[in-house]
Amino acid sequence: MNVLLIDDETEICFLLRNMLRREGIDCDVAYSMAEGREQLRSGHYSAVFLDIHLPDGLGYLMIPEIRERQPEVHVIAISAVDNERENAKGQGADLFISKPFDKGSILGGLRSLGLTA
């Protein structure tokens, strides 16, 4: 499985990428919506972890574009702002995970989407 992480916080990217790699999941990282778009053009993903507040816009506004490029991908919105849950779900996010997250919430979220055993 290959996932894309779009988040501007380098610490979050480092932690999540390492957590996923320990589970045998490949993870590409983008630090902005623009970088995320480039990654989506060049790679195929099972899931996209998408931060809501990015330097170049609101991540949830990218969800329809992600779905257009890769209709089968699962979009997991992540944010420290819990009231963004409805906005993300309204744009089509499959799941919303609040920051700070832990290994259980990440792996449990992937499991709930049928992406891990």
PDB file of N, CA and C in Angstrom:
ATOM      1  N   MET A   1       0.855  -1.179   0.000  1.00  0.00           N
ATOM      2  CA  MET A   1       0.000   0.000   0.000  1.00  0.00           C
ATOM      3  C   MET A   1       0.895   1.235   0.000  1.00  0.00           C
ATOM      4  N   ASN A   2       0.470   2.240  -0.735  1.00  0.00           N
ATOM      5  CA  ASN A   2       1.176   3.509  -0.807  1.00  0.00           C
ATOM      6  C   ASN A   2       0.202   4.623  -0.438  1.00  0.00           C
ATOM      7  N   VAL A   3       0.623   5.499   0.476  1.00  0.00           N
ATOM      8  CA  VAL A   3      -0.215   6.614   0.884  1.00  0.00           C
ATOM      9  C   VAL A   3       0.529   7.922   0.648  1.00  0.00           C
ATOM     10  N   LEU A   4      -0.240   8.980   0.508  1.00  0.00           N
ATOM     11  CA  LEU A   4       0.309  10.319   0.377  1.00  0.00           C
ATOM     12  C   LEU A   4      -0.093  11.120   1.603  1.00  0.00           C
ATOM     13  N   LEU A   5       0.865  11.784   2.193  1.00  0.00           N
ATOM     14  CA  LEU A   5       0.621  12.653   3.342  1.00  0.00           C
ATOM     15  C   LEU A   5       0.835  14.091   2.898  1.00  0.00           C
ATOM     16  N   ILE A   6      -0.219  14.908   2.993  1.00  0.00           N
ATOM     17  CA  ILE A   6      -0.118  16.326   2.656  1.00  0.00           C
ATOM     18  C   ILE A   6      -0.307  17.114   3.946  1.00  0.00           C
ATOM     19  N   ASP A   7       0.796  17.651   4.462  1.00  0.00           N
ATOM     20  CA  ASP A   7       0.774  18.394   5.725  1.00  0.00           C
ATOM     21  C   ASP A   7       1.998  19.301   5.757  1.00  0.00           C
ATOM     22  N   ASP A   8       1.828  20.518   6.219  1.00  0.00           N
ATOM     23  CA  ASP A   8       2.943  21.462   6.243  1.00  0.00           C
ATOM     24  C   ASP A   8       3.786  21.381   7.510  1.00  0.00           C
ATOM     25  N   GLU A   9       3.386  20.580   8.470  1.00  0.00           N
ATOM     26  CA  GLU A   9       4.146  20.451   9.712  1.00  0.00           C
ATOM     27  C   GLU A   9       5.155  19.313   9.571  1.00  0.00           C
ATOM     28  N   THR A  10       6.434  19.669   9.525  1.00  0.00           N
ATOM     29  CA  THR A  10       7.471  18.664   9.286  1.00  0.00           C
ATOM     30  C   THR A  10       7.502  17.590  10.377  1.00  0.00           C
ATOM     31  N   GLU A  11       7.220  17.977  11.617  1.00  0.00           N
ATOM     32  CA  GLU A  11       7.232  16.994  12.707  1.00  0.00           C
ATOM     33  C   GLU A  11       6.126  15.958  12.523  1.00  0.00           C
ATOM     34  N   ILE A  12       4.944  16.430  12.134  1.00  0.00           N
ATOM     35  CA  ILE A  12       3.817  15.527  11.893  1.00  0.00           C
ATOM     36  C   ILE A  12       4.175  14.567  10.759  1.00  0.00           C
ATOM     37  N   CYS A  13       4.747  15.113   9.689  1.00  0.00           N
ATOM     38  CA  CYS A  13       5.121  14.280   8.542  1.00  0.00           C
ATOM     39  C   CYS A  13       6.148  13.229   8.947  1.00  0.00           C
ATOM     40  N   PHE A  14       7.143  13.636   9.705  1.00  0.00           N
ATOM     41  CA  PHE A  14       8.173  12.710  10.152  1.00  0.00           C
ATOM     42  C   PHE A  14       7.571  11.582  10.990  1.00  0.00           C
ATOM     43  N   LEU A  15       6.752  11.951  11.970  1.00  0.00           N
ATOM     44  CA  LEU A  15       6.154  10.950  12.858  1.00  0.00           C
ATOM     45  C   LEU A  15       5.212  10.004  12.109  1.00  0.00           C
ATOM     46  N   LEU A  16       4.331  10.560  11.303  1.00  0.00           N
ATOM     47  CA  LEU A  16       3.362   9.732  10.597  1.00  0.00           C
ATOM     48  C   LEU A  16       4.046   8.845   9.563  1.00  0.00           C
ATOM     49  N   ARG A  17       4.985   9.394   8.841  1.00  0.00           N
ATOM     50  CA  ARG A  17       5.707   8.602   7.841  1.00  0.00           C
ATOM     51  C   ARG A  17       6.425   7.422   8.495  1.00  0.00           C
ATOM     52  N   ASN A  18       7.122   7.679   9.605  1.00  0.00           N
ATOM     53  CA  ASN A  18       7.819   6.595  10.295  1.00  0.00           C
ATOM     54  C   ASN A  18       6.856   5.566  10.866  1.00  0.00           C
ATOM     55  N   MET A  19       5.739   6.037  11.416  1.00  0.00           N
ATOM     56  CA  MET A  19       4.722   5.133  11.960  1.00  0.00           C
ATOM     57  C   MET A  19       4.206   4.200  10.860  1.00  0.00           C
ATOM     58  N   LEU A  20       3.890   4.761   9.706  1.00  0.00           N
ATOM     59  CA  LEU A  20       3.361   3.964   8.603  1.00  0.00           C
ATOM     60  C   LEU A  20       4.414   3.021   8.036  1.00  0.00           C
ATOM     61  N   ARG A  21       5.636   3.489   7.909  1.00  0.00           N
ATOM     62  CA  ARG A  21       6.712   2.633   7.383  1.00  0.00           C
ATOM     63  C   ARG A  21       6.951   1.421   8.277  1.00  0.00           C
ATOM     64  N   ARG A  22       6.849   1.613   9.593  1.00  0.00           N
ATOM     65  CA  ARG A  22       7.006   0.478  10.513  1.00  0.00           C
ATOM     66  C   ARG A  22       5.925  -0.577  10.306  1.00  0.00           C
ATOM     67  N   GLU A  23       4.809  -0.167   9.736  1.00  0.00           N
ATOM     68  CA  GLU A  23       3.712  -1.088   9.436  1.00  0.00           C
ATOM     69  C   GLU A  23       3.798  -1.632   8.006  1.00  0.00           C
ATOM     70  N   GLY A  24       4.877  -1.297   7.304  1.00  0.00           N
ATOM     71  CA  GLY A  24       5.062  -1.773   5.944  1.00  0.00           C
ATOM     72  C   GLY A  24       4.313  -0.974   4.891  1.00  0.00           C
ATOM     73  N   ILE A  25       3.947   0.246   5.222  1.00  0.00           N
ATOM     74  CA  ILE A  25       3.189   1.105   4.308  1.00  0.00           C
ATOM     75  C   ILE A  25       4.111   2.180   3.749  1.00  0.00           C
ATOM     76  N   ASP A  26       4.191   2.261   2.438  1.00  0.00           N
ATOM     77  CA  ASP A  26       4.987   3.309   1.796  1.00  0.00           C
ATOM     78  C   ASP A  26       4.263   4.641   1.930  1.00  0.00           C
ATOM     79  N   CYS A  27       5.025   5.699   2.133  1.00  0.00           N
ATOM     80  CA  CYS A  27       4.414   7.011   2.365  1.00  0.00           C
ATOM     81  C   CYS A  27       5.215   8.100   1.665  1.00  0.00           C
ATOM     82  N   ASP A  28       4.558   8.794   0.740  1.00  0.00           N
ATOM     83  CA  ASP A  28       5.137   9.980   0.121  1.00  0.00           C
ATOM     84  C   ASP A  28       4.623  11.195   0.867  1.00  0.00           C
ATOM     85  N   VAL A  29       5.408  12.274   0.880  1.00  0.00           N
ATOM     86  CA  VAL A  29       5.060  13.467   1.640  1.00  0.00           C
ATOM     87  C   VAL A  29       5.034  14.685   0.729  1.00  0.00           C
ATOM     88  N   ALA A  30       4.039  15.535   0.939  1.00  0.00           N
ATOM     89  CA  ALA A  30       3.947  16.846   0.301  1.00  0.00           C
ATOM     90  C   ALA A  30       3.648  17.854   1.398  1.00  0.00           C
ATOM     91  N   TYR A  31       4.259  19.024   1.313  1.00  0.00           N
ATOM     92  CA  TYR A  31       4.123  20.026   2.365  1.00  0.00           C
ATOM     93  C   TYR A  31       3.162  21.156   2.014  1.00  0.00           C
ATOM     94  N   SER A  32       2.486  21.042   0.879  1.00  0.00           N
ATOM     95  CA  SER A  32       1.516  22.056   0.461  1.00  0.00           C
ATOM     96  C   SER A  32       0.533  21.421  -0.517  1.00  0.00           C
ATOM     97  N   MET A  33      -0.535  22.154  -0.822  1.00  0.00           N
ATOM     98  CA  MET A  33      -1.493  21.664  -1.810  1.00  0.00           C
ATOM     99  C   MET A  33      -0.819  21.532  -3.175  1.00  0.00           C
ATOM    100  N   ALA A  34       0.026  22.493  -3.528  1.00  0.00           N
ATOM    101  CA  ALA A  34       0.712  22.446  -4.820  1.00  0.00           C
ATOM    102  C   ALA A  34       1.589  21.205  -4.927  1.00  0.00           C
ATOM    103  N   GLU A  35       2.361  20.905  -3.883  1.00  0.00           N
ATOM    104  CA  GLU A  35       3.196  19.705  -3.891  1.00  0.00           C
ATOM    105  C   GLU A  35       2.331  18.453  -3.927  1.00  0.00           C
ATOM    106  N   GLY A  36       1.217  18.478  -3.222  1.00  0.00           N
ATOM    107  CA  GLY A  36       0.293  17.347  -3.229  1.00  0.00           C
ATOM    108  C   GLY A  36      -0.245  17.071  -4.617  1.00  0.00           C
ATOM    109  N   ARG A  37      -0.586  18.135  -5.339  1.00  0.00           N
ATOM    110  CA  ARG A  37      -1.078  17.975  -6.716  1.00  0.00           C
ATOM    111  C   ARG A  37      -0.019  17.319  -7.596  1.00  0.00           C
ATOM    112  N   GLU A  38       1.234  17.727  -7.430  1.00  0.00           N
ATOM    113  CA  GLU A  38       2.326  17.127  -8.208  1.00  0.00           C
ATOM    114  C   GLU A  38       2.459  15.637  -7.892  1.00  0.00           C
ATOM    115  N   GLN A  39       2.394  15.296  -6.615  1.00  0.00           N
ATOM    116  CA  GLN A  39       2.496  13.889  -6.207  1.00  0.00           C
ATOM    117  C   GLN A  39       1.342  13.078  -6.782  1.00  0.00           C
ATOM    118  N   LEU A  40       0.146  13.648  -6.771  1.00  0.00           N
ATOM    119  CA  LEU A  40      -1.028  12.940  -7.300  1.00  0.00           C
ATOM    120  C   LEU A  40      -0.930  12.721  -8.807  1.00  0.00           C
ATOM    121  N   ARG A  41      -0.245  13.612  -9.499  1.00  0.00           N
ATOM    122  CA  ARG A  41      -0.053  13.441 -10.947  1.00  0.00           C
ATOM    123  C   ARG A  41       0.907  12.299 -11.251  1.00  0.00           C
ATOM    124  N   SER A  42       1.886  12.101 -10.374  1.00  0.00           N
ATOM    125  CA  SER A  42       2.942  11.141 -10.676  1.00  0.00           C
ATOM    126  C   SER A  42       2.812   9.800  -9.954  1.00  0.00           C
ATOM    127  N   GLY A  43       1.955   9.713  -8.945  1.00  0.00           N
ATOM    128  CA  GLY A  43       1.845   8.471  -8.180  1.00  0.00           C
ATOM    129  C   GLY A  43       0.419   8.006  -8.038  1.00  0.00           C
ATOM    130  N   HIS A  44       0.272   6.750  -7.654  1.00  0.00           N
ATOM    131  CA  HIS A  44      -1.044   6.169  -7.383  1.00  0.00           C
ATOM    132  C   HIS A  44      -1.086   5.796  -5.902  1.00  0.00           C
ATOM    133  N   TYR A  45      -2.168   6.165  -5.235  1.00  0.00           N
ATOM    134  CA  TYR A  45      -2.246   5.998  -3.790  1.00  0.00           C
ATOM    135  C   TYR A  45      -3.514   5.270  -3.371  1.00  0.00           C
ATOM    136  N   SER A  46      -3.389   4.521  -2.277  1.00  0.00           N
ATOM    137  CA  SER A  46      -4.552   3.880  -1.658  1.00  0.00           C
ATOM    138  C   SER A  46      -5.281   4.869  -0.758  1.00  0.00           C
ATOM    139  N   ALA A  47      -4.493   5.775  -0.145  1.00  0.00           N
ATOM    140  CA  ALA A  47      -5.072   6.758   0.774  1.00  0.00           C
ATOM    141  C   ALA A  47      -4.268   8.044   0.732  1.00  0.00           C
ATOM    142  N   VAL A  48      -4.949   9.141   1.045  1.00  0.00           N
ATOM    143  CA  VAL A  48      -4.309  10.449   1.188  1.00  0.00           C
ATOM    144  C   VAL A  48      -4.674  10.985   2.566  1.00  0.00           C
ATOM    145  N   PHE A  49      -3.653  11.242   3.386  1.00  0.00           N
ATOM    146  CA  PHE A  49      -3.840  11.960   4.645  1.00  0.00           C
ATOM    147  C   PHE A  49      -3.718  13.429   4.302  1.00  0.00           C
ATOM    148  N   LEU A  50      -4.760  14.197   4.571  1.00  0.00           N
ATOM    149  CA  LEU A  50      -4.837  15.573   4.105  1.00  0.00           C
ATOM    150  C   LEU A  50      -5.083  16.525   5.266  1.00  0.00           C
ATOM    151  N   ASP A  51      -4.083  17.354   5.558  1.00  0.00           N
ATOM    152  CA  ASP A  51      -4.245  18.379   6.587  1.00  0.00           C
ATOM    153  C   ASP A  51      -5.234  19.432   6.080  1.00  0.00           C
ATOM    154  N   ILE A  52      -5.965  20.026   6.982  1.00  0.00           N
ATOM    155  CA  ILE A  52      -6.965  21.016   6.597  1.00  0.00           C
ATOM    156  C   ILE A  52      -6.337  22.393   6.367  1.00  0.00           C
ATOM    157  N   HIS A  53      -5.466  22.828   7.252  1.00  0.00           N
ATOM    158  CA  HIS A  53      -4.883  24.166   7.144  1.00  0.00           C
ATOM    159  C   HIS A  53      -3.473  24.075   6.567  1.00  0.00           C
ATOM    160  N   LEU A  54      -3.376  24.400   5.283  1.00  0.00           N
ATOM    161  CA  LEU A  54      -2.110  24.351   4.565  1.00  0.00           C
ATOM    162  C   LEU A  54      -1.703  25.765   4.162  1.00  0.00           C
ATOM    163  N   PRO A  55      -0.432  26.001   3.887  1.00  0.00           N
ATOM    164  CA  PRO A  55       0.005  27.365   3.580  1.00  0.00           C
ATOM    165  C   PRO A  55      -0.635  27.953   2.326  1.00  0.00           C
ATOM    166  N   ASP A  56      -1.071  27.095   1.399  1.00  0.00           N
ATOM    167  CA  ASP A  56      -1.655  27.599   0.161  1.00  0.00           C
ATOM    168  C   ASP A  56      -3.152  27.318   0.034  1.00  0.00           C
ATOM    169  N   GLY A  57      -3.818  27.103   1.171  1.00  0.00           N
ATOM    170  CA  GLY A  57      -5.269  26.954   1.136  1.00  0.00           C
ATOM    171  C   GLY A  57      -5.816  25.935   2.113  1.00  0.00           C
ATOM    172  N   LEU A  58      -7.121  25.762   2.050  1.00  0.00           N
ATOM    173  CA  LEU A  58      -7.815  24.796   2.903  1.00  0.00           C
ATOM    174  C   LEU A  58      -7.802  23.431   2.225  1.00  0.00           C
ATOM    175  N   GLY A  59      -7.162  22.489   2.885  1.00  0.00           N
ATOM    176  CA  GLY A  59      -6.979  21.167   2.299  1.00  0.00           C
ATOM    177  C   GLY A  59      -8.261  20.499   1.851  1.00  0.00           C
ATOM    178  N   TYR A  60      -9.344  20.678   2.597  1.00  0.00           N
ATOM    179  CA  TYR A  60     -10.572  19.972   2.222  1.00  0.00           C
ATOM    180  C   TYR A  60     -11.109  20.420   0.866  1.00  0.00           C
ATOM    181  N   LEU A  61     -10.720  21.610   0.416  1.00  0.00           N
ATOM    182  CA  LEU A  61     -11.150  22.063  -0.909  1.00  0.00           C
ATOM    183  C   LEU A  61     -10.482  21.267  -2.035  1.00  0.00           C
ATOM    184  N   MET A  62      -9.452  20.521  -1.681  1.00  0.00           N
ATOM    185  CA  MET A  62      -8.742  19.688  -2.650  1.00  0.00           C
ATOM    186  C   MET A  62      -9.411  18.324  -2.850  1.00  0.00           C
ATOM    187  N   ILE A  63     -10.320  17.945  -1.959  1.00  0.00           N
ATOM    188  CA  ILE A  63     -10.892  16.602  -2.002  1.00  0.00           C
ATOM    189  C   ILE A  63     -11.574  16.298  -3.330  1.00  0.00           C
ATOM    190  N   PRO A  64     -12.419  17.172  -3.879  1.00  0.00           N
ATOM    191  CA  PRO A  64     -13.020  16.847  -5.181  1.00  0.00           C
ATOM    192  C   PRO A  64     -11.980  16.643  -6.285  1.00  0.00           C
ATOM    193  N   GLU A  65     -10.921  17.415  -6.240  1.00  0.00           N
ATOM    194  CA  GLU A  65      -9.833  17.268  -7.216  1.00  0.00           C
ATOM    195  C   GLU A  65      -9.120  15.916  -7.054  1.00  0.00           C
ATOM    196  N   ILE A  66      -8.894  15.520  -5.810  1.00  0.00           N
ATOM    197  CA  ILE A  66      -8.266  14.216  -5.544  1.00  0.00           C
ATOM    198  C   ILE A  66      -9.155  13.111  -6.086  1.00  0.00           C
ATOM    199  N   ARG A  67     -10.438  13.194  -5.819  1.00  0.00           N
ATOM    200  CA  ARG A  67     -11.401  12.182  -6.283  1.00  0.00           C
ATOM    201  C   ARG A  67     -11.449  12.112  -7.819  1.00  0.00           C
ATOM    202  N   GLU A  68     -11.299  13.273  -8.468  1.00  0.00           N
ATOM    203  CA  GLU A  68     -11.320  13.290  -9.923  1.00  0.00           C
ATOM    204  C   GLU A  68     -10.089  12.582 -10.491  1.00  0.00           C
ATOM    205  N   ARG A  69      -8.943  12.808  -9.873  1.00  0.00           N
ATOM    206  CA  ARG A  69      -7.695  12.187 -10.343  1.00  0.00           C
ATOM    207  C   ARG A  69      -7.625  10.700 -10.011  1.00  0.00           C
ATOM    208  N   GLN A  70      -8.055  10.349  -8.798  1.00  0.00           N
ATOM    209  CA  GLN A  70      -7.953   8.969  -8.332  1.00  0.00           C
ATOM    210  C   GLN A  70      -9.233   8.615  -7.572  1.00  0.00           C
ATOM    211  N   PRO A  71     -10.289   8.247  -8.303  1.00  0.00           N
ATOM    212  CA  PRO A  71     -11.607   8.027  -7.683  1.00  0.00           C
ATOM    213  C   PRO A  71     -11.621   6.969  -6.573  1.00  0.00           C
ATOM    214  N   GLU A  72     -10.721   6.014  -6.642  1.00  0.00           N
ATOM    215  CA  GLU A  72     -10.736   4.920  -5.669  1.00  0.00           C
ATOM    216  C   GLU A  72      -9.970   5.229  -4.386  1.00  0.00           C
ATOM    217  N   VAL A  73      -9.280   6.366  -4.334  1.00  0.00           N
ATOM    218  CA  VAL A  73      -8.464   6.698  -3.174  1.00  0.00           C
ATOM    219  C   VAL A  73      -9.345   7.061  -1.975  1.00  0.00           C
ATOM    220  N   HIS A  74      -8.878   6.697  -0.785  1.00  0.00           N
ATOM    221  CA  HIS A  74      -9.540   7.087   0.460  1.00  0.00           C
ATOM    222  C   HIS A  74      -8.890   8.363   0.968  1.00  0.00           C
ATOM    223  N   VAL A  75      -9.698   9.352   1.321  1.00  0.00           N
ATOM    224  CA  VAL A  75      -9.180  10.616   1.833  1.00  0.00           C
ATOM    225  C   VAL A  75      -9.438  10.681   3.332  1.00  0.00           C
ATOM    226  N   ILE A  76      -8.344  10.856   4.070  1.00  0.00           N
ATOM    227  CA  ILE A  76      -8.415  10.954   5.529  1.00  0.00           C
ATOM    228  C   ILE A  76      -7.983  12.365   5.906  1.00  0.00           C
ATOM    229  N   ALA A  77      -8.931  13.182   6.314  1.00  0.00           N
ATOM    230  CA  ALA A  77      -8.637  14.551   6.730  1.00  0.00           C
ATOM    231  C   ALA A  77      -8.067  14.522   8.143  1.00  0.00           C
ATOM    232  N   ILE A  78      -7.037  15.340   8.368  1.00  0.00           N
ATOM    233  CA  ILE A  78      -6.447  15.452   9.702  1.00  0.00           C
ATOM    234  C   ILE A  78      -6.335  16.932  10.052  1.00  0.00           C
ATOM    235  N   SER A  79      -6.684  17.249  11.290  1.00  0.00           N
ATOM    236  CA  SER A  79      -6.623  18.648  11.712  1.00  0.00           C
ATOM    237  C   SER A  79      -6.655  18.748  13.228  1.00  0.00           C
ATOM    238  N   ALA A  80      -6.005  19.790  13.727  1.00  0.00           N
ATOM    239  CA  ALA A  80      -6.089  20.106  15.155  1.00  0.00           C
ATOM    240  C   ALA A  80      -7.353  20.878  15.466  1.00  0.00           C
ATOM    241  N   VAL A  81      -8.046  21.332  14.427  1.00  0.00           N
ATOM    242  CA  VAL A  81      -9.277  22.107  14.585  1.00  0.00           C
ATOM    243  C   VAL A  81     -10.461  21.172  14.360  1.00  0.00           C
ATOM    244  N   ASP A  82     -11.022  20.677  15.457  1.00  0.00           N
ATOM    245  CA  ASP A  82     -12.066  19.658  15.356  1.00  0.00           C
ATOM    246  C   ASP A  82     -13.319  20.145  14.644  1.00  0.00           C
ATOM    247  N   ASN A  83     -13.605  21.449  14.685  1.00  0.00           N
ATOM    248  CA  ASN A  83     -14.826  21.921  14.035  1.00  0.00           C
ATOM    249  C   ASN A  83     -14.704  21.926  12.507  1.00  0.00           C
ATOM    250  N   GLU A  84     -13.558  21.540  11.974  1.00  0.00           N
ATOM    251  CA  GLU A  84     -13.390  21.379  10.516  1.00  0.00           C
ATOM    252  C   GLU A  84     -13.928  20.034  10.040  1.00  0.00           C
ATOM    253  N   ARG A  85     -14.284  19.172  10.969  1.00  0.00           N
ATOM    254  CA  ARG A  85     -14.786  17.834  10.627  1.00  0.00           C
ATOM    255  C   ARG A  85     -15.927  17.895   9.613  1.00  0.00           C
ATOM    256  N   GLU A  86     -16.906  18.746   9.860  1.00  0.00           N
ATOM    257  CA  GLU A  86     -18.068  18.831   8.968  1.00  0.00           C
ATOM    258  C   GLU A  86     -17.692  19.348   7.588  1.00  0.00           C
ATOM    259  N   ASN A  87     -16.781  20.326   7.539  1.00  0.00           N
ATOM    260  CA  ASN A  87     -16.328  20.831   6.237  1.00  0.00           C
ATOM    261  C   ASN A  87     -15.644  19.725   5.438  1.00  0.00           C
ATOM    262  N   ALA A  88     -14.781  18.968   6.107  1.00  0.00           N
ATOM    263  CA  ALA A  88     -14.062  17.889   5.428  1.00  0.00           C
ATOM    264  C   ALA A  88     -15.030  16.803   4.963  1.00  0.00           C
ATOM    265  N   LYS A  89     -15.931  16.405   5.823  1.00  0.00           N
ATOM    266  CA  LYS A  89     -16.929  15.386   5.460  1.00  0.00           C
ATOM    267  C   LYS A  89     -17.821  15.890   4.336  1.00  0.00           C
ATOM    268  N   GLY A  90     -18.190  17.172   4.382  1.00  0.00           N
ATOM    269  CA  GLY A  90     -19.036  17.759   3.357  1.00  0.00           C
ATOM    270  C   GLY A  90     -18.384  17.779   1.986  1.00  0.00           C
ATOM    271  N   GLN A  91     -17.055  17.837   1.959  1.00  0.00           N
ATOM    272  CA  GLN A  91     -16.323  17.816   0.691  1.00  0.00           C
ATOM    273  C   GLN A  91     -16.016  16.389   0.232  1.00  0.00           C
ATOM    274  N   GLY A  92     -16.334  15.400   1.092  1.00  0.00           N
ATOM    275  CA  GLY A  92     -16.175  14.011   0.679  1.00  0.00           C
ATOM    276  C   GLY A  92     -15.086  13.222   1.367  1.00  0.00           C
ATOM    277  N   ALA A  93     -14.543  13.731   2.467  1.00  0.00           N
ATOM    278  CA  ALA A  93     -13.536  12.957   3.204  1.00  0.00           C
ATOM    279  C   ALA A  93     -14.164  11.664   3.723  1.00  0.00           C
ATOM    280  N   ASP A  94     -13.416  10.588   3.631  1.00  0.00           N
ATOM    281  CA  ASP A  94     -13.889   9.297   4.141  1.00  0.00           C
ATOM    282  C   ASP A  94     -13.793   9.228   5.659  1.00  0.00           C
ATOM    283  N   LEU A  95     -12.849   9.972   6.212  1.00  0.00           N
ATOM    284  CA  LEU A  95     -12.573   9.878   7.634  1.00  0.00           C
ATOM    285  C   LEU A  95     -11.941  11.184   8.095  1.00  0.00           C
ATOM    286  N   PHE A  96     -12.160  11.524   9.359  1.00  0.00           N
ATOM    287  CA  PHE A  96     -11.532  12.693   9.958  1.00  0.00           C
ATOM    288  C   PHE A  96     -10.829  12.232  11.220  1.00  0.00           C
ATOM    289  N   ILE A  97      -9.543  12.559  11.333  1.00  0.00           N
ATOM    290  CA  ILE A  97      -8.779  12.215  12.531  1.00  0.00           C
ATOM    291  C   ILE A  97      -8.246  13.512  13.126  1.00  0.00           C
ATOM    292  N   SER A  98      -8.525  13.719  14.411  1.00  0.00           N
ATOM    293  CA  SER A  98      -8.083  14.923  15.109  1.00  0.00           C
ATOM    294  C   SER A  98      -6.614  14.810  15.507  1.00  0.00           C
ATOM    295  N   LYS A  99      -5.920  15.951  15.408  1.00  0.00           N
ATOM    296  CA  LYS A  99      -4.562  16.051  15.944  1.00  0.00           C
ATOM    297  C   LYS A  99      -4.681  16.531  17.376  1.00  0.00           C
ATOM    298  N   PRO A 100      -3.879  16.114  18.280  1.00  0.00           N
ATOM    299  CA  PRO A 100      -2.827  15.134  18.067  1.00  0.00           C
ATOM    300  C   PRO A 100      -3.421  13.738  17.963  1.00  0.00           C
ATOM    301  N   PHE A 101      -2.823  12.928  17.131  1.00  0.00           N
ATOM    302  CA  PHE A 101      -3.288  11.561  16.949  1.00  0.00           C
ATOM    303  C   PHE A 101      -2.253  10.609  17.520  1.00  0.00           C
ATOM    304  N   ASP A 102      -2.651   9.357  17.629  1.00  0.00           N
ATOM    305  CA  ASP A 102      -1.712   8.330  18.074  1.00  0.00           C
ATOM    306  C   ASP A 102      -1.755   7.177  17.072  1.00  0.00           C
ATOM    307  N   LYS A 103      -0.891   6.229  17.286  1.00  0.00           N
ATOM    308  CA  LYS A 103      -0.787   5.080  16.384  1.00  0.00           C
ATOM    309  C   LYS A 103      -2.118   4.344  16.270  1.00  0.00           C
ATOM    310  N   GLY A 104      -2.824   4.215  17.378  1.00  0.00           N
ATOM    311  CA  GLY A 104      -4.105   3.508  17.380  1.00  0.00           C
ATOM    312  C   GLY A 104      -5.140   4.185  16.501  1.00  0.00           C
ATOM    313  N   SER A 105      -5.212   5.517  16.554  1.00  0.00           N
ATOM    314  CA  SER A 105      -6.216   6.211  15.735  1.00  0.00           C
ATOM    315  C   SER A 105      -5.856   6.145  14.254  1.00  0.00           C
ATOM    316  N   ILE A 106      -4.582   6.214  13.917  1.00  0.00           N
ATOM    317  CA  ILE A 106      -4.159   6.129  12.518  1.00  0.00           C
ATOM    318  C   ILE A 106      -4.402   4.731  11.966  1.00  0.00           C
ATOM    319  N   LEU A 107      -3.901   3.724  12.652  1.00  0.00           N
ATOM    320  CA  LEU A 107      -4.074   2.354  12.165  1.00  0.00           C
ATOM    321  C   LEU A 107      -5.519   1.908  12.244  1.00  0.00           C
ATOM    322  N   GLY A 108      -6.245   2.346  13.272  1.00  0.00           N
ATOM    323  CA  GLY A 108      -7.664   2.032  13.369  1.00  0.00           C
ATOM    324  C   GLY A 108      -8.441   2.672  12.238  1.00  0.00           C
ATOM    325  N   GLY A 109      -8.083   3.892  11.863  1.00  0.00           N
ATOM    326  CA  GLY A 109      -8.725   4.562  10.736  1.00  0.00           C
ATOM    327  C   GLY A 109      -8.479   3.820   9.430  1.00  0.00           C
ATOM    328  N   LEU A 110      -7.238   3.414   9.197  1.00  0.00           N
ATOM    329  CA  LEU A 110      -6.920   2.645   7.987  1.00  0.00           C
ATOM    330  C   LEU A 110      -7.686   1.321   7.977  1.00  0.00           C
ATOM    331  N   ARG A 111      -7.748   0.696   9.132  1.00  0.00           N
ATOM    332  CA  ARG A 111      -8.480  -0.584   9.250  1.00  0.00           C
ATOM    333  C   ARG A 111      -9.957  -0.390   8.972  1.00  0.00           C
ATOM    334  N   SER A 112     -10.544   0.695   9.473  1.00  0.00           N
ATOM    335  CA  SER A 112     -11.975   0.936   9.261  1.00  0.00           C
ATOM    336  C   SER A 112     -12.313   1.159   7.789  1.00  0.00           C
ATOM    337  N   LEU A 113     -11.313   1.587   7.020  1.00  0.00           N
ATOM    338  CA  LEU A 113     -11.502   1.790   5.584  1.00  0.00           C
ATOM    339  C   LEU A 113     -11.134   0.545   4.767  1.00  0.00           C
ATOM    340  N   GLY A 114     -10.771  -0.525   5.477  1.00  0.00           N
ATOM    341  CA  GLY A 114     -10.413  -1.774   4.805  1.00  0.00           C
ATOM    342  C   GLY A 114      -9.042  -1.760   4.172  1.00  0.00           C
ATOM    343  N   LEU A 115      -8.159  -0.897   4.659  1.00  0.00           N
ATOM    344  CA  LEU A 115      -6.840  -0.777   4.059  1.00  0.00           C
ATOM    345  C   LEU A 115      -5.766  -1.578   4.762  1.00  0.00           C
ATOM    346  N   THR A 116      -6.019  -2.030   5.972  1.00  0.00           N
ATOM    347  CA  THR A 116      -5.074  -2.884   6.693  1.00  0.00           C
ATOM    348  C   THR A 116      -5.843  -3.986   7.385  1.00  0.00           C
ATOM    349  N   ALA A 117      -5.098  -5.004   7.770  1.00  0.00           N
ATOM    350  CA  ALA A 117      -5.727  -6.138   8.472  1.00  0.00           C
ATOM    351  C   ALA A 117      -5.851  -5.855   9.944  1.00  0.00           C
TER     352      ALA A 117
END
